C-alpha cells in the first residue's frame, strides 16, 4: 500500500468501494430541489393533452382559405382553460388564443394579423397550410414516456418537467451523511482566538460546502487534537451519527504527530490505499470501517479542496446512485504560457482564464502554486491538468482544465 497510485486508479478504487446507493425516500416536489432521483420519472399524462394553438388568431380549415380574401362565420371562442366544445364546419372559424385547444374540424390557425373581424364575420387576407401554428397533442411528451433517469439531479428545469408530467411526489435518494473531522493541535475554529502558533481551520467549511452541493448532509465533528484517544472518540461519533462517509482533514502523513491512519486502523479500518501520484494532494488515504467509507484528505487547504473535488464529490454522487459519478469533468483549453516537462505526479495547477477568439478558453497558471495558498485558489477560475511525465509545452498548445466557477454536478 506504500507505493504511489495514479489519480485514475485512486478514483476507481474509491468508487468500487461504494456498497451501492443509499436508501430511497419520497418527498414532495416542492421540497425536491437538488435531490437525486431514485427511480425514472415516467409521464402520467400527455403534453399538450390536445392540439393547441401556438398563436393568437382564428381556428380554420385550410381548404376554406385556398382562395383569399374570403369571409368566414365566427361561431365561438377558444381560450386557455375555456375551450370551444363544438366543432367547425365549412366556412366556420373560432377565435382562438395561444395555448387554447384547437376545435374539432379545424386544421390550422390564421394569425390575427392576417384577418379582419367585424361582428360575426372574419375576413381572411392570407392563405394557410394545414397544421400551421398548431402544436399537436403529445408534442412535448406522451403518457408513459420516460422523461428522466434515476441518478439525475432535480434542478429548476427538471422540477418543471416532473410537475408538467403529472408528479406531485418523487422518489429520491436520501442525502448521504458525510462526517467531517479536522485534526491538529494547531487548529482553532473560525472566530476563535488563535495563539501565535495556531491557524484557523478552513478546510472543513470548504469540504462541507462541496459535500452539500454534491447532495449530501455534512456532519461537523469539530477538531480532534493530535492524540489517539481524541481521534478514536471522533470516529465513534461518526459511527453513532450513521455516517456513510467519514472525511478526515490532515494528519494522514508520516510525521510524529500524524496519527489519523493509526487511529482509523485501530478502529478497524481496512486500508484501500495511501498516497497518490498527485499534486497537490499526495498524502490521500482511503479505506472502509465496516459500512462507512473513509477518505483522509491532506491538511494543506488547497490540497484538501482539490482532492475534495476529485474524489469526495464522485464518492457522494456514487452513494446517490449517479451513473456518471466518475465522469471526466475536464474540458479543452489552450495554454497561456510555456510549461516545463512534468515529473511523475499529475498536476492540478491553479489558473485564470481568458477567452480566445474561437471561444476556447486560454488557461494561464499562477506563478505560485504552493498548496497552502488559499488566496491563489480563491482568485483562480480553473485547475489546469498536467499529466505525469508530460513533455514541455508551449504557449498556445492544447491542454485540459476543470472549471472552478461552475456547479460540481
Protein backbone atom coordinates (compact mmCIF):
# COMPACT_ATOMS: atom_id res chain seq x y z
CA UNK A 1 0.00 0.00 0.00
CA UNK A 2 3.04 2.31 0.27
CA UNK A 3 3.57 2.96 -3.47
CA UNK A 4 2.06 5.87 -5.38
CA UNK A 5 -1.02 5.08 -7.44
CA UNK A 6 -2.45 7.17 -10.27
CA UNK A 7 -5.34 9.59 -9.91
CA UNK A 8 -7.46 7.39 -12.18
CA UNK A 9 -6.75 4.28 -10.13
CA UNK A 10 -7.45 6.11 -6.86
CA UNK A 11 -10.82 7.29 -8.13
CA UNK A 12 -11.68 3.84 -9.48
CA UNK A 13 -10.88 2.23 -6.12
CA UNK A 14 -12.97 4.75 -4.20
CA UNK A 15 -15.96 4.26 -6.48
CA UNK A 16 -15.58 0.48 -6.37
CA UNK A 17 -15.71 0.60 -2.56
CA UNK A 18 -19.13 2.25 -2.54
CA UNK A 19 -21.51 -0.56 -1.49
CA UNK A 20 -24.39 0.84 -3.52
CA UNK A 21 -26.75 3.77 -3.45
CA UNK A 22 -28.26 4.88 -0.16
CA UNK A 23 -31.93 4.25 0.56
CA UNK A 24 -34.77 5.93 -1.30
CA UNK A 25 -37.43 8.17 0.17
CA UNK A 26 -40.43 10.02 -1.23
CA UNK A 27 -40.63 13.80 -0.99
CA UNK A 28 -42.96 16.50 -2.24
CA UNK A 29 -41.87 18.04 -5.50
CA UNK A 30 -41.70 21.45 -3.83
CA UNK A 31 -39.02 20.04 -1.48
CA UNK A 32 -37.06 18.13 -4.12
CA UNK A 33 -34.69 20.78 -5.47
CA UNK A 34 -31.15 19.42 -5.54
CA UNK A 35 -32.23 15.87 -4.76
CA UNK A 36 -31.16 12.86 -6.80
CA UNK A 37 -33.78 10.65 -8.41
CA UNK A 38 -34.04 7.10 -7.09
CA UNK A 39 -36.21 5.94 -10.00
CA UNK A 40 -37.04 7.03 -13.51
CA UNK A 41 -39.67 9.72 -13.97
CA UNK A 42 -42.40 8.46 -16.30
CA UNK A 43 -45.05 10.80 -17.70
CA UNK A 44 -48.54 10.15 -16.38
CA UNK A 45 -50.18 12.47 -18.91
CA UNK A 46 -49.72 13.76 -22.44
CA UNK A 47 -48.43 17.30 -23.03
CA UNK A 48 -50.12 19.12 -24.57
CA UNK A 49 -53.18 16.94 -23.93
CA UNK A 50 -54.92 18.36 -27.01
CA UNK A 51 -53.91 20.11 -30.24
CA UNK A 52 -53.13 23.64 -29.04
CA UNK A 53 -52.83 26.96 -30.79
CA UNK A 54 -49.32 28.40 -30.93
CA UNK A 55 -50.59 31.90 -31.79
CA UNK A 56 -53.47 34.27 -31.18
CA UNK A 57 -55.80 34.08 -34.16
CA UNK A 58 -58.61 32.01 -35.67
CA UNK A 59 -59.03 28.26 -35.99
CA UNK A 60 -59.87 27.46 -39.61
CA UNK A 61 -59.98 24.73 -42.20
CA UNK A 62 -57.04 25.34 -44.55
CA UNK A 63 -59.16 24.28 -47.53
CA UNK A 64 -61.54 27.19 -46.87
CA UNK A 65 -58.67 29.65 -47.39
CA UNK A 66 -57.46 28.26 -50.71
CA UNK A 67 -58.61 31.49 -52.36
CA UNK A 68 -58.40 34.78 -50.46
CA UNK A 69 -59.78 37.10 -49.44
CA UNK A 70 -62.62 35.01 -48.06
CA UNK A 71 -65.25 35.65 -45.39
CA UNK A 72 -65.81 33.14 -42.57
CA UNK A 73 -68.52 32.81 -39.92
CA UNK A 74 -67.36 33.36 -36.34
CA UNK A 75 -69.04 30.62 -34.32
CA UNK A 76 -67.26 30.77 -30.96
CA UNK A 77 -64.19 31.43 -28.83
CA UNK A 78 -61.50 29.05 -27.53
CA UNK A 79 -59.31 30.34 -24.70
CA UNK A 80 -56.84 28.62 -22.37
CA UNK A 81 -58.92 26.80 -19.79
CA UNK A 82 -62.13 27.60 -21.67
CA UNK A 83 -62.04 25.56 -24.84
CA UNK A 84 -64.71 25.60 -27.57
CA UNK A 85 -66.59 22.35 -27.15
CA UNK A 86 -68.20 22.24 -30.58
CA UNK A 87 -66.68 21.63 -33.98
CA UNK A 88 -66.34 23.82 -37.05
CA UNK A 89 -67.68 23.06 -40.49
CA UNK A 90 -67.10 24.54 -43.94
CA UNK A 91 -66.81 28.32 -43.79
CA UNK A 92 -66.68 28.44 -39.97
CA UNK A 93 -63.99 29.88 -37.71
CA UNK A 94 -63.40 30.13 -33.96
CA UNK A 95 -61.48 32.89 -32.23
CA UNK A 96 -58.58 31.00 -30.66
CA UNK A 97 -55.92 32.25 -28.26
CA UNK A 98 -52.39 30.99 -27.63
CA UNK A 99 -52.40 27.73 -25.67
CA UNK A 100 -56.10 27.12 -26.18
CA UNK A 101 -57.50 23.89 -27.64
CA UNK A 102 -57.95 23.88 -31.41
CA UNK A 103 -61.61 22.99 -32.08
CA UNK A 104 -62.53 19.75 -33.81
CA UNK A 105 -62.71 20.20 -37.56
CA UNK A 106 -60.01 22.90 -37.70
CA UNK A 107 -56.56 22.07 -39.06
CA UNK A 108 -54.78 25.44 -39.00
CA UNK A 109 -54.57 28.80 -37.23
CA UNK A 110 -54.97 32.02 -39.16
CA UNK A 111 -52.99 34.58 -37.16
CA UNK A 112 -54.93 37.67 -36.16
CA UNK A 113 -52.60 39.95 -38.13
CA UNK A 114 -53.89 38.34 -41.34
CA UNK A 115 -57.57 38.71 -40.54
CA UNK A 116 -60.19 41.45 -40.28
CA UNK A 117 -63.05 40.83 -37.85
CA UNK A 118 -66.35 42.65 -37.88
CA UNK A 119 -69.20 41.32 -35.80
CA UNK A 120 -69.70 37.65 -36.62
CA UNK A 121 -67.71 37.82 -39.86
CA UNK A 122 -63.96 37.28 -40.17
CA UNK A 123 -62.24 38.06 -43.46
CA UNK A 124 -59.06 36.09 -44.13
CA UNK A 125 -56.50 38.00 -46.17
CA UNK A 126 -53.86 35.24 -46.34
CA UNK A 127 -53.97 31.51 -47.05
CA UNK A 128 -52.66 28.96 -44.55
CA UNK A 129 -51.35 25.43 -44.81
CA UNK A 130 -52.68 22.50 -42.81
CA UNK A 131 -51.20 22.28 -39.25
CA UNK A 132 -49.94 25.88 -39.42
CA UNK A 133 -49.42 27.27 -35.89
CA UNK A 134 -50.84 24.15 -34.22
CA UNK A 135 -48.98 22.25 -31.53
CA UNK A 136 -50.14 18.64 -31.89
CA UNK A 137 -51.16 16.64 -28.85
CA UNK A 138 -48.08 14.98 -27.34
CA UNK A 139 -45.65 17.41 -28.98
CA UNK A 140 -43.68 17.65 -25.71
CA UNK A 141 -44.25 14.16 -24.28
CA UNK A 142 -46.81 11.39 -24.08
CA UNK A 143 -48.25 9.32 -21.25
CA UNK A 144 -45.73 6.57 -20.49
CA UNK A 145 -42.66 8.36 -21.86
CA UNK A 146 -39.52 8.09 -19.67
CA UNK A 147 -38.56 11.72 -19.11
CA UNK A 148 -35.74 11.47 -16.55
CA UNK A 149 -33.49 8.67 -15.40
CA UNK A 150 -32.55 7.55 -11.92
CA UNK A 151 -29.37 9.30 -10.81
CA UNK A 152 -30.26 12.67 -12.30
CA UNK A 153 -30.33 15.71 -10.04
CA UNK A 154 -33.53 17.74 -9.84
CA UNK A 155 -32.90 21.36 -10.75
CA UNK A 156 -35.34 24.07 -11.85
CA UNK A 157 -35.86 22.70 -15.37
CA UNK A 158 -36.30 19.10 -14.24
CA UNK A 159 -38.66 20.08 -11.44
CA UNK A 160 -40.81 21.87 -14.01
CA UNK A 161 -40.80 18.78 -16.23
CA UNK A 162 -41.75 16.50 -13.34
CA UNK A 163 -44.65 18.77 -12.43
CA UNK A 164 -45.88 19.10 -16.02
CA UNK A 165 -45.78 15.33 -16.44
CA UNK A 166 -48.17 14.80 -13.54
CA UNK A 167 -45.99 14.24 -10.48
CA UNK A 168 -46.55 15.89 -7.09
CA UNK A 169 -44.23 13.47 -5.23
CA UNK A 170 -40.95 11.96 -6.37
CA UNK A 171 -38.71 9.14 -5.20
CA UNK A 172 -35.22 10.38 -4.37
CA UNK A 173 -32.16 9.07 -2.58
CA UNK A 174 -31.80 10.23 0.98
CA UNK A 175 -28.93 12.61 1.46
CA UNK A 176 -25.74 10.70 2.33
CA UNK A 177 -24.41 11.60 5.76
CA UNK A 178 -20.83 12.86 5.48
CA UNK A 179 -18.96 13.27 8.76
CA UNK A 180 -16.08 15.78 8.57
CA UNK A 181 -13.28 15.75 11.13
CA UNK A 182 -10.49 18.32 11.22
CA UNK A 183 -7.35 17.20 13.05
CA UNK A 184 -4.44 19.00 14.62
CA UNK A 185 -3.46 20.88 17.78
CA UNK A 186 -2.66 23.90 15.63
CA UNK A 187 -6.29 24.48 14.58
CA UNK A 188 -8.94 26.78 16.00
CA UNK A 189 -12.47 27.32 14.77
CA UNK A 190 -13.29 30.42 12.70
CA UNK A 191 -13.88 33.33 15.07
CA UNK A 192 -11.91 31.82 17.94
CA UNK A 193 -8.77 33.49 19.23
CA UNK A 194 -5.65 31.86 17.83
CA UNK A 195 -2.33 31.59 19.63
CA UNK A 196 0.80 32.67 17.84
CA UNK A 197 1.44 29.10 16.67
CA UNK A 198 -2.11 28.27 15.56
CA UNK A 199 -4.16 28.76 12.39
CA UNK A 200 -7.86 28.91 11.58
CA UNK A 201 -9.45 25.64 10.42
CA UNK A 202 -10.80 26.43 6.94
CA UNK A 203 -10.78 23.03 5.24
CA UNK A 204 -13.86 21.72 6.99
CA UNK A 205 -16.02 24.58 5.76
CA UNK A 206 -14.83 24.06 2.19
CA UNK A 207 -15.35 20.30 2.20
CA UNK A 208 -18.77 20.66 3.85
CA UNK A 209 -19.75 23.07 1.08
CA UNK A 210 -18.60 20.59 -1.58
CA UNK A 211 -20.50 17.78 0.13
CA UNK A 212 -23.67 19.85 0.40
CA UNK A 213 -23.51 20.89 -3.26
CA UNK A 214 -22.97 17.25 -4.28
CA UNK A 215 -26.19 16.30 -2.48
CA UNK A 216 -25.02 15.20 0.99
CA UNK A 217 -25.72 16.32 4.55
CA UNK A 218 -22.40 17.26 6.19
CA UNK A 219 -21.90 16.46 9.87
CA UNK A 220 -19.34 18.66 11.65
CA UNK A 221 -17.30 16.55 14.07
CA UNK A 222 -15.22 19.55 15.05
CA UNK A 223 -11.47 19.43 15.65
CA UNK A 224 -9.63 16.48 17.15
CA UNK A 225 -6.28 17.04 18.78
CA UNK A 226 -3.12 15.15 17.97
CA UNK A 227 -3.79 12.22 20.29
CA UNK A 228 -5.17 8.77 19.63
CA UNK A 229 -7.95 8.89 22.19
CA UNK A 230 -9.42 12.08 20.73
CA UNK A 231 -9.25 10.71 17.21
CA UNK A 232 -10.82 7.37 18.16
CA UNK A 233 -13.62 9.12 20.03
CA UNK A 234 -14.36 11.17 16.91
CA UNK A 235 -14.56 8.02 14.81
CA UNK A 236 -17.07 6.68 17.29
CA UNK A 237 -19.18 9.81 16.95
CA UNK A 238 -19.19 9.38 13.18
CA UNK A 239 -20.45 5.84 13.60
CA UNK A 240 -23.08 6.93 16.10
CA UNK A 241 -24.31 9.53 13.61
CA UNK A 242 -24.77 6.82 10.97
CA UNK A 243 -22.27 8.43 8.61
CA UNK A 244 -21.96 6.91 5.18
CA UNK A 245 -18.63 8.63 4.64
CA UNK A 246 -16.03 9.87 7.11
CA UNK A 247 -13.68 12.56 5.86
CA UNK A 248 -10.62 13.40 7.91
CA UNK A 249 -8.62 16.54 7.28
CA UNK A 250 -4.89 16.38 7.91
CA UNK A 251 -2.79 14.04 9.98
CA UNK A 252 -2.62 11.27 7.40
CA UNK A 253 1.05 11.64 6.52
CA UNK A 254 4.06 10.07 8.27
CA UNK A 255 5.13 12.69 10.80
CA UNK A 256 5.32 12.08 14.52
CA UNK A 257 2.00 13.90 15.02
CA UNK A 258 0.22 12.36 12.03
CA UNK A 259 -1.91 9.82 13.87
CA UNK A 260 -5.07 9.61 11.77
CA UNK A 261 -4.20 6.47 9.84
CA UNK A 262 -3.14 4.70 13.04
CA UNK A 263 -6.34 5.73 14.85
CA UNK A 264 -8.53 4.56 11.97
CA UNK A 265 -6.66 1.27 11.75
CA UNK A 266 -7.08 0.72 15.48
CA UNK A 267 -10.82 1.28 14.96
CA UNK A 268 -10.93 -1.45 12.32
CA UNK A 269 -10.32 0.41 9.06
CA UNK A 270 -9.45 -1.74 6.06
CA UNK A 271 -6.95 0.44 4.20
CA UNK A 272 -7.64 0.80 0.50
CA UNK A 273 -4.69 2.95 -0.47
CA UNK A 274 -2.48 5.72 0.81
CA UNK A 275 -0.52 8.18 -1.34
CA UNK A 276 -1.46 9.19 -4.88
CA UNK A 277 0.73 10.46 -7.72
CA UNK A 278 -0.97 13.82 -7.44
CA UNK A 279 -0.02 17.45 -6.81
CA UNK A 280 -1.45 18.91 -4.67
CA UNK A 281 -2.71 16.02 -2.56
CA UNK A 282 -0.13 13.23 -2.47
CA UNK A 283 -0.96 12.01 1.12
CA UNK A 284 -4.53 10.95 0.28
CA UNK A 285 -5.93 7.98 2.18
CA UNK A 286 -8.90 5.72 1.52
CA UNK A 287 -10.42 2.83 3.39
CA UNK A 288 -13.56 1.33 4.93
CA UNK A 289 -14.73 0.98 8.50
CA UNK A 290 -17.44 -1.61 8.03
CA UNK A 291 -20.25 0.06 6.07
CA UNK A 292 -18.66 3.51 6.41
CA UNK A 293 -16.28 4.78 3.74
CA UNK A 294 -13.27 6.77 4.88
CA UNK A 295 -11.29 9.33 2.91
CA UNK A 296 -8.35 11.08 4.53
CA UNK A 297 -7.65 14.41 2.86
CA UNK A 298 -4.36 16.28 3.21
CA UNK A 299 -4.13 19.09 5.72
CA UNK A 300 -2.94 21.80 3.36
CA UNK A 301 -6.08 23.75 2.39
CA UNK A 302 -5.59 23.79 -1.37
CA UNK A 303 -4.75 20.07 -1.38
CA UNK A 304 -7.86 19.37 0.68
CA UNK A 305 -10.17 21.29 -1.66
CA UNK A 306 -8.65 19.89 -4.86
CA UNK A 307 -8.88 16.32 -3.53
CA UNK A 308 -12.42 17.05 -2.40
CA UNK A 309 -13.36 17.95 -5.95
CA UNK A 310 -11.56 14.98 -7.47
CA UNK A 311 -12.54 12.23 -5.01
CA UNK A 312 -15.11 13.25 -2.37
CA UNK A 313 -17.67 14.63 -4.80
CA UNK A 314 -17.63 11.49 -7.02
CA UNK A 315 -17.91 9.28 -3.91
CA UNK A 316 -21.01 11.18 -2.79
CA UNK A 317 -22.52 11.01 -6.26
CA UNK A 318 -21.91 7.23 -6.29
CA UNK A 319 -23.68 6.95 -2.92
CA UNK A 320 -26.60 8.74 -4.59
CA UNK A 321 -26.71 6.25 -7.46
CA UNK A 322 -25.46 8.67 -10.09
CA UNK A 323 -24.30 6.52 -13.03
CA UNK A 324 -21.97 9.33 -14.09
CA UNK A 325 -20.32 9.74 -10.69
CA UNK A 326 -16.83 9.20 -12.08
CA UNK A 327 -17.28 11.07 -15.36
CA UNK A 328 -14.45 13.24 -16.64
CA UNK A 329 -15.35 16.86 -15.84
CA UNK A 330 -12.43 18.38 -17.74
CA UNK A 331 -12.73 20.41 -20.92
CA UNK A 332 -10.32 21.62 -23.61
CA UNK A 333 -8.35 24.85 -23.35
CA UNK A 334 -5.10 26.28 -24.63
CA UNK A 335 -2.01 27.15 -22.61
CA UNK A 336 -1.42 30.78 -21.75
CA UNK A 337 2.33 30.35 -21.19
CA UNK A 338 5.15 27.87 -21.72
CA UNK A 339 5.30 24.90 -19.35
CA UNK A 340 8.29 22.78 -18.33
CA UNK A 341 8.34 18.99 -18.50
CA UNK A 342 6.34 17.42 -15.68
CA UNK A 343 7.53 14.78 -13.21
CA UNK A 344 5.76 11.56 -12.12
CA UNK A 345 2.81 13.29 -10.41
CA UNK A 346 -0.36 14.57 -12.08
CA UNK A 347 -0.58 18.32 -11.54
CA UNK A 348 -3.70 20.41 -10.96
CA UNK A 349 -2.39 23.95 -11.36
CA UNK A 350 -4.44 26.92 -10.27
CA UNK A 351 -5.06 29.07 -13.34
CA UNK A 352 -7.01 32.06 -14.59
CA UNK A 353 -8.95 32.01 -17.85
CA UNK A 354 -9.20 34.35 -20.82
CA UNK A 355 -11.47 33.80 -23.78
CA UNK A 356 -9.85 33.27 -27.16
CA UNK A 357 -11.47 34.49 -30.41
CA UNK A 358 -12.60 30.91 -31.15
CA UNK A 359 -14.18 30.78 -27.67
CA UNK A 360 -11.78 28.12 -26.37
CA UNK A 361 -10.50 29.42 -23.03
CA UNK A 362 -6.86 30.30 -22.55
CA UNK A 363 -5.58 28.91 -19.24
CA UNK A 364 -2.63 30.65 -17.63
CA UNK A 365 -1.36 29.03 -14.43
CA UNK A 366 -0.48 31.18 -11.45
CA UNK A 367 3.23 31.63 -10.84
CA UNK A 368 2.97 30.46 -7.22
CA UNK A 369 1.43 27.01 -6.75
CA UNK A 370 2.10 26.33 -3.06
CA UNK A 371 -0.64 24.10 -1.62
CA UNK A 372 -1.05 26.36 1.40
CA UNK A 373 -2.05 29.44 -0.61
CA UNK A 374 -5.83 29.90 -0.48
CA UNK A 375 -5.62 33.40 -1.96
CA UNK A 376 -4.25 31.94 -5.18
CA UNK A 377 -7.01 29.34 -5.29
CA UNK A 378 -9.62 31.97 -4.46
CA UNK A 379 -8.78 34.09 -7.50
CA UNK A 380 -8.29 31.15 -9.84
CA UNK A 381 -11.01 30.08 -12.24
CA UNK A 382 -9.77 26.63 -13.21
CA UNK A 383 -7.43 23.77 -12.46
CA UNK A 384 -5.00 23.18 -15.33
CA UNK A 385 -4.26 19.46 -15.64
CA UNK A 386 -0.74 18.28 -16.43
CA UNK A 387 -0.37 14.54 -16.91
CA UNK A 388 2.51 12.65 -15.30
CA UNK A 389 5.70 12.92 -17.37
CA UNK A 390 4.04 15.40 -19.72
CA UNK A 391 6.65 16.86 -22.09
CA UNK A 392 7.44 20.55 -22.16
CA UNK A 393 4.62 22.53 -23.74
CA UNK A 394 4.45 25.91 -25.45
CA UNK A 395 2.03 28.78 -25.13
CA UNK A 396 -0.95 28.03 -27.42
CA UNK A 397 -0.67 24.25 -27.09
CA UNK A 398 -3.87 22.35 -26.21
CA UNK A 399 -4.50 21.41 -22.58
CA UNK A 400 -7.32 20.28 -20.29
CA UNK A 401 -8.92 22.20 -17.43
CA UNK A 402 -11.53 21.73 -14.72
CA UNK A 403 -13.51 24.91 -14.15
CA UNK A 404 -13.87 26.12 -10.58
CA UNK A 405 -16.65 28.60 -11.39
CA UNK A 406 -19.29 26.02 -12.34
CA UNK A 407 -21.56 23.75 -10.36
CA UNK A 408 -19.91 20.47 -9.47
CA UNK A 409 -22.89 18.36 -10.65
